[in-house]
C-alpha atoms as a PDB file:
ATOM      1  CA  MET A   1       0.000   0.000   0.000  1.00  0.00           C
ATOM      2  CA  ILE A   2       1.328   3.425  -0.942  1.00  0.00           C
ATOM      3  CA  ASP A   3       1.381   5.805   2.012  1.00  0.00           C
ATOM      4  CA  ILE A   4       0.853   9.090   0.195  1.00  0.00           C
ATOM      5  CA  CYS A   5       1.417  11.150   3.334  1.00  0.00           C
ATOM      6  CA  ALA A   6       4.779   9.522   4.024  1.00  0.00           C
ATOM      7  CA  LEU A   7       5.747   9.860   0.372  1.00  0.00           C
ATOM      8  CA  SER A   8       4.750  13.529   0.275  1.00  0.00           C
ATOM      9  CA  GLY A   9       6.581  14.243   3.512  1.00  0.00           C
ATOM     10  CA  ALA A  10       9.775  12.658   2.208  1.00  0.00           C
ATOM     11  CA  VAL A  11       9.593  14.635  -1.043  1.00  0.00           C
ATOM     12  CA  LYS A  12       8.969  17.864   0.857  1.00  0.00           C
ATOM     13  CA  GLN A  13      12.009  17.257   3.052  1.00  0.00           C
ATOM     14  CA  HIS A  14      14.423  15.872   0.448  1.00  0.00           C
ATOM     15  CA  GLN A  15      13.051  17.327  -2.847  1.00  0.00           C
ATOM     16  CA  GLN A  16      13.318  13.965  -4.603  1.00  0.00           C
ATOM     17  CA  ILE A  17      13.254  10.351  -3.492  1.00  0.00           C
ATOM     18  CA  VAL A  18      13.137   6.898  -5.039  1.00  0.00           C
ATOM     19  CA  ARG A  19      10.446   4.507  -3.868  1.00  0.00           C
ATOM     20  CA  ILE A  20      11.324   0.810  -4.181  1.00  0.00           C
ATOM     21  CA  VAL A  21       8.463  -1.683  -4.045  1.00  0.00           C
ATOM     22  CA  ILE A  22       8.346  -5.463  -4.316  1.00  0.00           C
ATOM     23  CA  ALA A  23       5.900  -5.741  -7.210  1.00  0.00           C
ATOM     24  CA  ASP A  24       5.877  -9.504  -7.673  1.00  0.00           C
ATOM     25  CA  LEU A  25       7.267 -12.600  -5.990  1.00  0.00           C
ATOM     26  CA  LYS A  26       7.564 -16.268  -6.943  1.00  0.00           C
ATOM     27  CA  GLY A  27       8.870 -18.574  -4.249  1.00  0.00           C
ATOM     28  CA  SER A  28      10.281 -17.351  -0.939  1.00  0.00           C
ATOM     29  CA  ALA A  29      11.760 -14.005   0.083  1.00  0.00           C
ATOM     30  CA  PRO A  30      12.213 -12.070   3.357  1.00  0.00           C
ATOM     31  CA  ARG A  31       9.290  -9.760   2.486  1.00  0.00           C
ATOM     32  CA  GLY A  32       6.260 -10.024   0.221  1.00  0.00           C
ATOM     33  CA  PRO A  33       4.642  -7.999  -2.593  1.00  0.00           C
ATOM     34  CA  GLY A  34       3.662  -4.473  -1.654  1.00  0.00           C
ATOM     35  CA  VAL A  35       6.507  -3.971   0.825  1.00  0.00           C
ATOM     36  CA  SER A  36       8.395  -0.775   0.010  1.00  0.00           C
ATOM     37  CA  MET A  37      11.105   1.616   1.123  1.00  0.00           C
ATOM     38  CA  LEU A  38      12.069   5.208   0.359  1.00  0.00           C
ATOM     39  CA  VAL A  39      15.604   6.237  -0.552  1.00  0.00           C
ATOM     40  CA  TRP A  40      17.144   9.707  -0.730  1.00  0.00           C
ATOM     41  CA  ASP A  41      20.705  10.905  -1.112  1.00  0.00           C
ATOM     42  CA  THR A  42      21.635  10.618   2.570  1.00  0.00           C
ATOM     43  CA  GLY A  43      19.195   8.144   4.071  1.00  0.00           C
ATOM     44  CA  VAL A  44      16.431   5.580   3.775  1.00  0.00           C
ATOM     45  CA  SER A  45      13.058   4.807   5.356  1.00  0.00           C
ATOM     46  CA  GLY A  46      11.579   1.327   5.549  1.00  0.00           C
ATOM     47  CA  THR A  47      13.027  -1.963   4.338  1.00  0.00           C
ATOM     48  CA  ILE A  48      12.418  -4.527   1.610  1.00  0.00           C
ATOM     49  CA  GLY A  49      14.099  -7.274   3.602  1.00  0.00           C
ATOM     50  CA  GLY A  50      17.653  -6.221   4.299  1.00  0.00           C
ATOM     51  CA  GLY A  51      20.792  -8.043   3.265  1.00  0.00           C
ATOM     52  CA  ALA A  52      22.617  -7.868  -0.047  1.00  0.00           C
ATOM     53  CA  LEU A  53      19.425  -7.350  -2.043  1.00  0.00           C
ATOM     54  CA  GLU A  54      18.526  -4.190  -0.161  1.00  0.00           C
ATOM     55  CA  PHE A  55      22.128  -2.942  -0.163  1.00  0.00           C
ATOM     56  CA  ASP A  56      22.301  -3.188  -3.963  1.00  0.00           C
ATOM     57  CA  ALA A  57      18.796  -1.733  -4.366  1.00  0.00           C
ATOM     58  CA  VAL A  58      19.737   1.368  -2.365  1.00  0.00           C
ATOM     59  CA  LYS A  59      22.810   1.862  -4.557  1.00  0.00           C
ATOM     60  CA  THR A  60      20.648   1.565  -7.664  1.00  0.00           C
ATOM     61  CA  ALA A  61      18.157   4.086  -6.282  1.00  0.00           C
ATOM     62  CA  ARG A  62      20.878   6.645  -5.578  1.00  0.00           C
ATOM     63  CA  LYS A  63      22.226   6.263  -9.107  1.00  0.00           C
ATOM     64  CA  MET A  64      18.711   7.050 -10.329  1.00  0.00           C
ATOM     65  CA  LEU A  65      18.658  10.196  -8.202  1.00  0.00           C
ATOM     66  CA  ASP A  66      21.990  11.326  -9.639  1.00  0.00           C
ATOM     67  CA  ALA A  67      20.910  10.637 -13.223  1.00  0.00           C
ATOM     68  CA  GLN A  68      17.310  11.872 -12.732  1.00  0.00           C
ATOM     69  CA  ASP A  69      16.050   8.548 -14.101  1.00  0.00           C
ATOM     70  CA  PRO A  70      12.278   8.254 -13.592  1.00  0.00           C
ATOM     71  CA  LEU A  71      11.785   4.479 -13.527  1.00  0.00           C
ATOM     72  CA  TYR A  72      13.654   1.193 -13.310  1.00  0.00           C
ATOM     73  CA  VAL A  73      12.466  -2.413 -13.030  1.00  0.00           C
ATOM     74  CA  LEU A  74      14.642  -5.225 -11.710  1.00  0.00           C
ATOM     75  CA  HIS A  75      13.832  -8.929 -12.036  1.00  0.00           C
ATOM     76  CA  GLU A  76      15.996 -10.742  -9.526  1.00  0.00           C
ATOM     77  CA  THR A  77      16.616 -14.292  -8.315  1.00  0.00           C
ATOM     78  CA  LEU A  78      17.802 -14.180  -4.730  1.00  0.00           C
ATOM     79  CA  GLY A  79      19.689 -17.468  -4.547  1.00  0.00           C
ATOM     80  CA  ARG A  80      21.587 -16.960  -7.794  1.00  0.00           C
ATOM     81  CA  HIS A  81      22.628 -13.313  -7.396  1.00  0.00           C
ATOM     82  CA  HIS A  82      22.567 -12.621  -3.668  1.00  0.00           C
ATOM     83  CA  LYS A  83      23.234 -16.027  -2.106  1.00  0.00           C
ATOM     84  CA  GLN A  84      20.071 -15.740   0.009  1.00  0.00           C
ATOM     85  CA  VAL A  85      18.858 -19.203   0.940  1.00  0.00           C
ATOM     86  CA  CYS A  86      15.167 -18.390   0.389  1.00  0.00           C
ATOM     87  CA  GLY A  87      15.862 -18.467  -3.364  1.00  0.00           C
ATOM     88  CA  GLY A  88      12.738 -16.673  -4.563  1.00  0.00           C
ATOM     89  CA  ALA A  89      12.419 -14.686  -7.783  1.00  0.00           C
ATOM     90  CA  LEU A  90      11.073 -11.193  -7.382  1.00  0.00           C
ATOM     91  CA  THR A  91      10.428  -7.997  -9.288  1.00  0.00           C
ATOM     92  CA  LEU A  92      11.441  -4.651  -7.834  1.00  0.00           C
ATOM     93  CA  VAL A  93      10.043  -1.408  -9.227  1.00  0.00           C
ATOM     94  CA  PHE A  94      12.050   1.780  -8.623  1.00  0.00           C
ATOM     95  CA  GLU A  95      10.219   5.095  -9.126  1.00  0.00           C
ATOM     96  CA  ARG A  96      11.672   8.571  -8.645  1.00  0.00           C
ATOM     97  CA  PHE A  97       9.264  11.087  -7.115  1.00  0.00           C
ATOM     98  CA  ASP A  98       9.465  14.854  -6.911  1.00  0.00           C
ATOM     99  CA  ALA A  99       6.698  17.395  -6.360  1.00  0.00           C
ATOM    100  CA  ALA A 100       5.548  17.327  -9.995  1.00  0.00           C
ATOM    101  CA  LYS A 101       5.450  13.518 -10.130  1.00  0.00           C
ATOM    102  CA  LEU A 102       3.446  13.396  -6.887  1.00  0.00           C
ATOM    103  CA  GLN A 103       0.795  15.746  -8.264  1.00  0.00           C
ATOM    104  CA  ASP A 104       0.588  13.814 -11.518  1.00  0.00           C
ATOM    105  CA  ALA A 105       0.402  10.400  -9.831  1.00  0.00           C
ATOM    106  CA  PHE A 106      -1.995  11.290  -7.011  1.00  0.00           C
ATOM    107  CA  PRO A 107      -4.372  14.086  -8.069  1.00  0.00           C
ATOM    108  CA  ASN A 108      -6.901  12.865  -5.482  1.00  0.00           C
ATOM    109  CA  ALA A 109      -4.503  12.335  -2.614  1.00  0.00           C
ATOM    110  CA  ASP A 110      -7.173  13.155  -0.028  1.00  0.00           C
ATOM    111  CA  ARG A 111      -8.877   9.793  -0.420  1.00  0.00           C
ATOM    112  CA  PRO A 112      -7.836   6.146  -0.754  1.00  0.00           C
ATOM    113  CA  GLY A 113      -7.838   4.549  -4.159  1.00  0.00           C
ATOM    114  CA  ALA A 114      -5.508   2.761  -6.568  1.00  0.00           C
ATOM    115  CA  TYR A 115      -2.382   3.781  -8.488  1.00  0.00           C
ATOM    116  CA  LEU A 116      -2.112   2.136 -11.919  1.00  0.00           C
ATOM    117  CA  ARG A 117       0.832   2.645 -14.247  1.00  0.00           C
ATOM    118  CA  LYS A 118       2.893   0.910 -16.929  1.00  0.00           C
ATOM    119  CA  VAL A 119       6.340   0.051 -15.593  1.00  0.00           C
ATOM    120  CA  ASP A 120       7.886  -2.669 -17.761  1.00  0.00           C
ATOM    121  CA  GLY A 121       7.133  -2.892 -21.464  1.00  0.00           C
ATOM    122  CA  GLY A 122       4.326  -5.360 -22.057  1.00  0.00           C
ATOM    123  CA  ALA A 123       0.821  -4.473 -23.184  1.00  0.00           C
ATOM    124  CA  PRO A 124       0.203  -0.958 -24.581  1.00  0.00           C
ATOM    125  CA  THR A 125      -2.999  -0.684 -22.546  1.00  0.00           C
ATOM    126  CA  PRO A 126      -3.782  -1.979 -19.045  1.00  0.00           C
ATOM    127  CA  PRO A 127      -5.134  -5.520 -18.743  1.00  0.00           C
ATOM    128  CA  PRO A 128      -8.940  -5.310 -18.395  1.00  0.00           C
ATOM    129  CA  SER A 129      -8.917  -6.730 -14.856  1.00  0.00           C
ATOM    130  CA  LEU A 130      -6.494  -4.042 -13.634  1.00  0.00           C
ATOM    131  CA  LEU A 131      -8.365  -1.302 -15.476  1.00  0.00           C
ATOM    132  CA  ARG A 132     -11.648  -2.303 -13.812  1.00  0.00           C
ATOM    133  CA  GLN A 133     -10.011  -2.160 -10.381  1.00  0.00           C
ATOM    134  CA  TRP A 134      -8.512   1.252 -11.093  1.00  0.00           C
ATOM    135  CA  GLU A 135     -11.837   2.633 -12.324  1.00  0.00           C
ATOM    136  CA  ALA A 136     -13.577   1.357  -9.194  1.00  0.00           C
ATOM    137  CA  GLN A 137     -10.999   3.137  -6.998  1.00  0.00           C
ATOM    138  CA  GLY A 138     -11.760   0.706  -4.202  1.00  0.00           C
ATOM    139  CA  PRO A 139      -9.618  -1.644  -2.132  1.00  0.00           C
ATOM    140  CA  THR A 140      -7.314  -3.703  -4.335  1.00  0.00           C
ATOM    141  CA  PRO A 141      -4.263  -5.894  -3.735  1.00  0.00           C
ATOM    142  CA  ILE A 142      -0.986  -5.078  -5.432  1.00  0.00           C
ATOM    143  CA  GLN A 143      -0.813  -6.801  -8.825  1.00  0.00           C
ATOM    144  CA  PHE A 144       1.862  -6.902 -11.535  1.00  0.00           C
ATOM    145  CA  LYS A 145       0.490  -8.065 -14.888  1.00  0.00           C
ATOM    146  CA  GLU A 146       1.662  -7.660 -18.484  1.00  0.00           C
ATOM    147  CA  GLY A 147       4.052  -4.888 -17.505  1.00  0.00           C
ATOM    148  CA  TRP A 148       1.414  -2.920 -15.578  1.00  0.00           C
ATOM    149  CA  LEU A 149       1.436  -2.394 -11.813  1.00  0.00           C
ATOM    150  CA  ILE A 150      -1.519  -1.461  -9.595  1.00  0.00           C
ATOM    151  CA  GLU A 151      -1.248  -0.660  -5.895  1.00  0.00           C
ATOM    152  CA  PRO A 152      -3.750   0.499  -3.286  1.00  0.00           C
ATOM    153  CA  THR A 153      -3.159   3.939  -1.805  1.00  0.00           C
ATOM    154  CA  LYS A 154      -3.634   4.904   1.805  1.00  0.00           C
ATOM    155  CA  ALA A 155      -5.800   7.842   2.842  1.00  0.00           C
ATOM    156  CA  PRO A 156      -4.230  10.694   4.820  1.00  0.00           C
ATOM    157  CA  ARG A 157      -3.202   9.903   8.363  1.00  0.00           C
ATOM    158  CA  ARG A 158      -5.626  10.482  11.184  1.00  0.00           C
ATOM    159  CA  ARG A 159      -4.930  13.661  13.138  1.00  0.00           C
ATOM    160  CA  ILE A 160      -4.282  13.361  16.874  1.00  0.00           C
ATOM    161  CA  LEU A 161      -4.415  16.550  18.942  1.00  0.00           C
ATOM    162  CA  ILE A 162      -2.885  16.494  22.427  1.00  0.00           C
ATOM    163  CA  TYR A 163      -3.803  19.586  24.435  1.00  0.00           C
ATOM    164  CA  GLY A 164      -1.153  20.009  27.118  1.00  0.00           C
ATOM    165  CA  ALA A 165       2.603  19.485  26.860  1.00  0.00           C
ATOM    166  CA  GLY A 166       3.138  18.156  30.366  1.00  0.00           C
ATOM    167  CA  ASN A 167       4.659  14.795  31.237  1.00  0.00           C
ATOM    168  CA  VAL A 168       1.709  12.738  30.018  1.00  0.00           C
ATOM    169  CA  GLY A 169       1.359  14.818  26.852  1.00  0.00           C
ATOM    170  CA  HIS A 170       5.022  14.269  26.026  1.00  0.00           C
ATOM    171  CA  ALA A 171       4.792  10.550  26.775  1.00  0.00           C
ATOM    172  CA  LEU A 172       1.686  10.183  24.615  1.00  0.00           C
ATOM    173  CA  ALA A 173       3.303  12.026  21.690  1.00  0.00           C
ATOM    174  CA  ARG A 174       6.367   9.774  21.892  1.00  0.00           C
ATOM    175  CA  VAL A 175       4.342   6.553  21.990  1.00  0.00           C
ATOM    176  CA  LEU A 176       2.206   7.666  19.048  1.00  0.00           C
ATOM    177  CA  ALA A 177       5.096   8.981  16.930  1.00  0.00           C
ATOM    178  CA  PRO A 178       6.250   5.628  15.436  1.00  0.00           C
ATOM    179  CA  LEU A 179       2.723   4.698  14.292  1.00  0.00           C
ATOM    180  CA  PRO A 180       2.422   5.645  10.598  1.00  0.00           C
ATOM    181  CA  GLN A 181      -1.368   5.982  10.586  1.00  0.00           C
ATOM    182  CA  PHE A 182      -1.347   9.048  12.837  1.00  0.00           C
ATOM    183  CA  GLU A 183      -0.385  12.710  12.426  1.00  0.00           C
ATOM    184  CA  ILE A 184       0.374  14.068  15.905  1.00  0.00           C
ATOM    185  CA  TYR A 185      -0.057  17.634  17.151  1.00  0.00           C
ATOM    186  CA  LEU A 186       1.136  18.610  20.633  1.00  0.00           C
ATOM    187  CA  VAL A 187      -0.540  21.886  21.603  1.00  0.00           C
ATOM    188  CA  ASP A 188       0.277  24.209  24.506  1.00  0.00           C
ATOM    189  CA  VAL A 189       0.681  27.970  24.915  1.00  0.00           C
ATOM    190  CA  ARG A 190       3.769  27.404  27.100  1.00  0.00           C
ATOM    191  CA  GLU A 191       6.666  27.357  24.659  1.00  0.00           C
ATOM    192  CA  ASP A 192       9.158  26.239  27.325  1.00  0.00           C
ATOM    193  CA  LYS A 193       7.294  22.922  27.701  1.00  0.00           C
ATOM    194  CA  PHE A 194       8.387  21.615  24.307  1.00  0.00           C
ATOM    195  CA  ARG A 195      11.539  19.513  24.499  1.00  0.00           C
ATOM    196  CA  ASP A 196      13.209  16.526  22.830  1.00  0.00           C
ATOM    197  CA  LEU A 197      10.248  15.486  20.711  1.00  0.00           C
ATOM    198  CA  PRO A 198      10.358  13.236  17.619  1.00  0.00           C
ATOM    199  CA  ASP A 199      10.655  15.166  14.364  1.00  0.00           C
ATOM    200  CA  ASN A 200       7.239  14.062  13.127  1.00  0.00           C
ATOM    201  CA  VAL A 201       5.368  15.555  16.100  1.00  0.00           C
ATOM    202  CA  HIS A 202       3.918  18.960  15.200  1.00  0.00           C
ATOM    203  CA  GLN A 203       4.590  21.416  18.017  1.00  0.00           C
ATOM    204  CA  SER A 204       2.242  24.367  18.466  1.00  0.00           C
ATOM    205  CA  TRP A 205       2.575  27.110  21.079  1.00  0.00           C
ATOM    206  CA  GLN A 206       1.789  30.197  19.005  1.00  0.00           C
ATOM    207  CA  ARG A 207      -1.932  29.509  18.605  1.00  0.00           C
ATOM    208  CA  LEU A 208      -4.672  28.806  21.117  1.00  0.00           C
ATOM    209  CA  PRO A 209      -5.700  25.171  21.573  1.00  0.00           C
ATOM    210  CA  THR A 210      -9.319  26.180  20.955  1.00  0.00           C
ATOM    211  CA  ASP A 211      -8.374  27.451  17.487  1.00  0.00           C
ATOM    212  CA  LEU A 212      -6.664  24.195  16.521  1.00  0.00           C
ATOM    213  CA  LEU A 213      -9.613  22.227  17.898  1.00  0.00           C
ATOM    214  CA  ALA A 214     -11.990  24.230  15.702  1.00  0.00           C
ATOM    215  CA  GLU A 215      -9.936  23.481  12.576  1.00  0.00           C
ATOM    216  CA  ALA A 216      -9.494  19.744  13.214  1.00  0.00           C
ATOM    217  CA  PRO A 217     -10.915  17.202  10.742  1.00  0.00           C
ATOM    218  CA  ASP A 218     -14.143  15.518  11.775  1.00  0.00           C
ATOM    219  CA  ASP A 219     -12.431  12.170  12.383  1.00  0.00           C
ATOM    220  CA  ALA A 220      -9.624  13.587  14.551  1.00  0.00           C
ATOM    221  CA  ALA A 221      -8.858  12.224  18.007  1.00  0.00           C
ATOM    222  CA  HIS A 222      -8.528  14.748  20.857  1.00  0.00           C
ATOM    223  CA  PHE A 223      -6.761  14.262  24.203  1.00  0.00           C
ATOM    224  CA  ILE A 224      -7.347  17.000  26.777  1.00  0.00           C
ATOM    225  CA  MET A 225      -4.708  17.330  29.504  1.00  0.00           C
ATOM    226  CA  THR A 226      -3.990  21.001  30.210  1.00  0.00           C
ATOM    227  CA  PRO A 227      -2.886  22.154  33.692  1.00  0.00           C
ATOM    228  CA  GLU A 228      -6.148  24.060  34.268  1.00  0.00           C
ATOM    229  CA  HIS A 229      -9.453  22.276  34.979  1.00  0.00           C
ATOM    230  CA  ASP A 230     -11.531  25.200  33.716  1.00  0.00           C
ATOM    231  CA  TYR A 231      -9.671  25.191  30.415  1.00  0.00           C
ATOM    232  CA  ASP A 232     -10.150  21.420  30.168  1.00  0.00           C
ATOM    233  CA  LEU A 233     -13.877  22.027  30.622  1.00  0.00           C
ATOM    234  CA  GLU A 234     -13.882  24.691  27.922  1.00  0.00           C
ATOM    235  CA  LEU A 235     -12.174  22.318  25.484  1.00  0.00           C
ATOM    236  CA  CYS A 236     -14.706  19.586  26.297  1.00  0.00           C
ATOM    237  CA  HIS A 237     -17.546  22.060  25.771  1.00  0.00           C
ATOM    238  CA  ARG A 238     -16.245  23.157  22.376  1.00  0.00           C
ATOM    239  CA  LEU A 239     -15.514  19.600  21.320  1.00  0.00           C
ATOM    240  CA  LEU A 240     -19.063  18.476  22.093  1.00  0.00           C
ATOM    241  CA  GLY A 241     -20.362  21.229  19.836  1.00  0.00           C
ATOM    242  CA  ARG A 242     -18.763  19.702  16.746  1.00  0.00           C
ATOM    243  CA  GLN A 243     -17.966  16.354  15.147  1.00  0.00           C
ATOM    244  CA  PHE A 244     -14.994  14.288  16.329  1.00  0.00           C
ATOM    245  CA  GLY A 245     -13.764  10.733  16.090  1.00  0.00           C
ATOM    246  CA  TYR A 246     -12.422  10.097  19.589  1.00  0.00           C
ATOM    247  CA  ALA A 247     -11.905  12.111  22.758  1.00  0.00           C
ATOM    248  CA  GLY A 248     -10.197  11.531  26.078  1.00  0.00           C
ATOM    249  CA  LEU A 249      -9.865  13.696  29.187  1.00  0.00           C
ATOM    250  CA  ILE A 250      -7.114  13.123  31.715  1.00  0.00           C
ATOM    251  CA  GLY A 251      -8.154  13.047  35.345  1.00  0.00           C
ATOM    252  CA  SER A 252      -9.802  11.003  38.035  1.00  0.00           C
ATOM    253  CA  ALA A 253     -13.319   9.650  38.246  1.00  0.00           C
ATOM    254  CA  THR A 254     -13.984  12.456  40.727  1.00  0.00           C
ATOM    255  CA  LYS A 255     -12.976  15.062  38.154  1.00  0.00           C
ATOM    256  CA  TRP A 256     -15.348  13.555  35.618  1.00  0.00           C
ATOM    257  CA  THR A 257     -18.160  13.434  38.181  1.00  0.00           C
ATOM    258  CA  ARG A 258     -17.750  17.194  38.586  1.00  0.00           C
ATOM    259  CA  PHE A 259     -17.486  17.857  34.847  1.00  0.00           C
ATOM    260  CA  ARG A 260     -20.580  15.957  33.724  1.00  0.00           C
ATOM    261  CA  PRO A 261     -23.224  18.151  35.416  1.00  0.00           C
ATOM    262  CA  ARG A 262     -21.413  21.290  34.262  1.00  0.00           C
ATOM    263  CA  LEU A 263     -21.474  20.010  30.681  1.00  0.00           C
ATOM    264  CA  LEU A 264     -25.176  19.191  31.062  1.00  0.00           C
ATOM    265  CA  ASP A 265     -25.765  22.756  32.229  1.00  0.00           C
ATOM    266  CA  LEU A 266     -23.991  23.959  29.092  1.00  0.00           C
ATOM    267  CA  GLY A 267     -26.635  22.183  27.008  1.00  0.00           C
ATOM    268  CA  HIS A 268     -25.008  18.883  26.063  1.00  0.00           C
ATOM    269  CA  SER A 269     -26.888  15.611  26.206  1.00  0.00           C
ATOM    270  CA  GLU A 270     -25.938  12.591  28.296  1.00  0.00           C
ATOM    271  CA  ARG A 271     -25.357  10.620  25.102  1.00  0.00           C
ATOM    272  CA  SER A 272     -22.981  13.211  23.729  1.00  0.00           C
ATOM    273  CA  ILE A 273     -21.071  13.654  26.989  1.00  0.00           C
ATOM    274  CA  ALA A 274     -20.585   9.886  27.251  1.00  0.00           C
ATOM    275  CA  ARG A 275     -18.420   9.980  24.124  1.00  0.00           C
ATOM    276  CA  ILE A 276     -15.593  11.592  26.106  1.00  0.00           C
ATOM    277  CA  GLN A 277     -13.462   8.993  27.841  1.00  0.00           C
ATOM    278  CA  CYS A 278     -12.447   9.889  31.399  1.00  0.00           C
ATOM    279  CA  PRO A 279     -10.269   8.725  33.023  1.00  0.00           C
ATOM    280  CA  ILE A 280      -7.967   7.771  30.150  1.00  0.00           C
ATOM    281  CA  GLY A 281      -5.505   4.918  29.995  1.00  0.00           C
ATOM    282  CA  ASP A 282      -5.615   1.620  31.866  1.00  0.00           C
ATOM    283  CA  THR A 283      -5.235   1.860  35.642  1.00  0.00           C
ATOM    284  CA  ARG A 284      -3.901  -1.699  35.714  1.00  0.00           C
ATOM    285  CA  LEU A 285      -0.780  -0.516  33.899  1.00  0.00           C
ATOM    286  CA  GLY A 286       0.121   2.088  36.513  1.00  0.00           C
ATOM    287  CA  LYS A 287       0.051   5.866  36.878  1.00  0.00           C
ATOM    288  CA  GLU A 288       3.425   6.715  35.331  1.00  0.00           C
ATOM    289  CA  PRO A 289       3.123   8.978  32.245  1.00  0.00           C
ATOM    290  CA  GLN A 290       4.462   6.257  29.958  1.00  0.00           C
ATOM    291  CA  ALA A 291       2.027   3.686  31.381  1.00  0.00           C
ATOM    292  CA  ILE A 292      -0.886   6.075  30.895  1.00  0.00           C
ATOM    293  CA  ALA A 293       0.271   6.749  27.328  1.00  0.00           C
ATOM    294  CA  VAL A 294       0.456   3.043  26.477  1.00  0.00           C
ATOM    295  CA  GLY A 295      -3.073   2.519  27.774  1.00  0.00           C
ATOM    296  CA  VAL A 296      -4.373   5.506  25.835  1.00  0.00           C
ATOM    297  CA  VAL A 297      -2.818   4.345  22.570  1.00  0.00           C
ATOM    298  CA  ALA A 298      -4.115   0.804  23.062  1.00  0.00           C
ATOM    299  CA  ALA A 299      -7.652   2.169  23.477  1.00  0.00           C
ATOM    300  CA  LEU A 300      -7.229   4.428  20.452  1.00  0.00           C
ATOM    301  CA  LEU A 301      -6.025   1.578  18.253  1.00  0.00           C
ATOM    302  CA  LYS A 302      -8.817  -0.691  19.458  1.00  0.00           C
ATOM    303  CA  ASN A 303     -11.721   1.727  19.317  1.00  0.00           C
ATOM    304  CA  GLY A 304     -10.639   4.582  17.094  1.00  0.00           C
ATOM    305  CA  GLN A 305     -11.958   3.262  13.820  1.00  0.00           C
ATOM    306  CA  SER A 306     -15.219   2.044  15.333  1.00  0.00           C
ATOM    307  CA  GLN A 307     -16.078   5.396  16.896  1.00  0.00           C
ATOM    308  CA  SER A 308     -18.568   7.241  14.695  1.00  0.00           C
ATOM    309  CA  ALA A 309     -17.352  10.609  13.557  1.00  0.00           C
ATOM    310  CA  SER A 310     -20.877  11.704  12.676  1.00  0.00           C
ATOM    311  CA  VAL A 311     -22.465  11.799  16.129  1.00  0.00           C
ATOM    312  CA  ARG A 312     -23.057  15.395  17.095  1.00  0.00           C
ATOM    313  CA  ASP A 313     -24.969  16.856  19.993  1.00  0.00           C
ATOM    314  CA  THR A 314     -28.095  18.617  18.762  1.00  0.00           C
ATOM    315  CA  ALA A 315     -29.729  19.250  22.129  1.00  0.00           C
END
């Protein structure tokens, strides 16, 4: 599956990259079709299985960057050329991406679909089965047929907003950062609270949390953990007045017992208020910030996609 967000981010940072994907496999190999990696002049992201195959593939990709070559296809037998005991025969497709190629390849990058292109001679037009899948723009497995390659594309990552850059906020951002399906925002007006965060965590201290909440996509997940209870309440109030995918409030059961009647007085229904999780995390894991963060992420991964983003309080 092509992660368009990751691809776009790499191009933005490095201007041009080569994406290597295992397009086809017969027999055994360390990784299967659809597995990919990104290569730029000074680094890589991902892996196609390591070893001599990957080492040579990275060298090939960097030669493409130097020569501005747009496309290369390699048919390789592992046992014969790389002395890998699995002995499978695979096809690697190398594609160079820059900003112009991204726009041309993914004009509808805001939604999932399929990416169909001719990569290796073969038929002048796509095989009918691949063309039907591309026209449907629905879920499709990677397929390499008659020189044409089709791959599913991943929709943009889900936005996670963490309001409060205290110990738990930092721990939560760090636990979430390695997960490719999320785009993380850590929000706090206290600039001095931001420290030693992963590069892919967006850090915001110049704008009010309420402004970022208002601009969030409808399926975003929100975690409220500011140092002020009244501000936490205000964020809950504003969140319940709009669509959201998931919401959690840090605090004790006592805190939530005090918040619920105040939110009712502000005009929100019991059903709507119940969509905010409080306390957050799993008390069985402990009260350390990292333990709370692990529990929060586990709940998000388990329930995030099943939470309806369309429920909105209309009371």
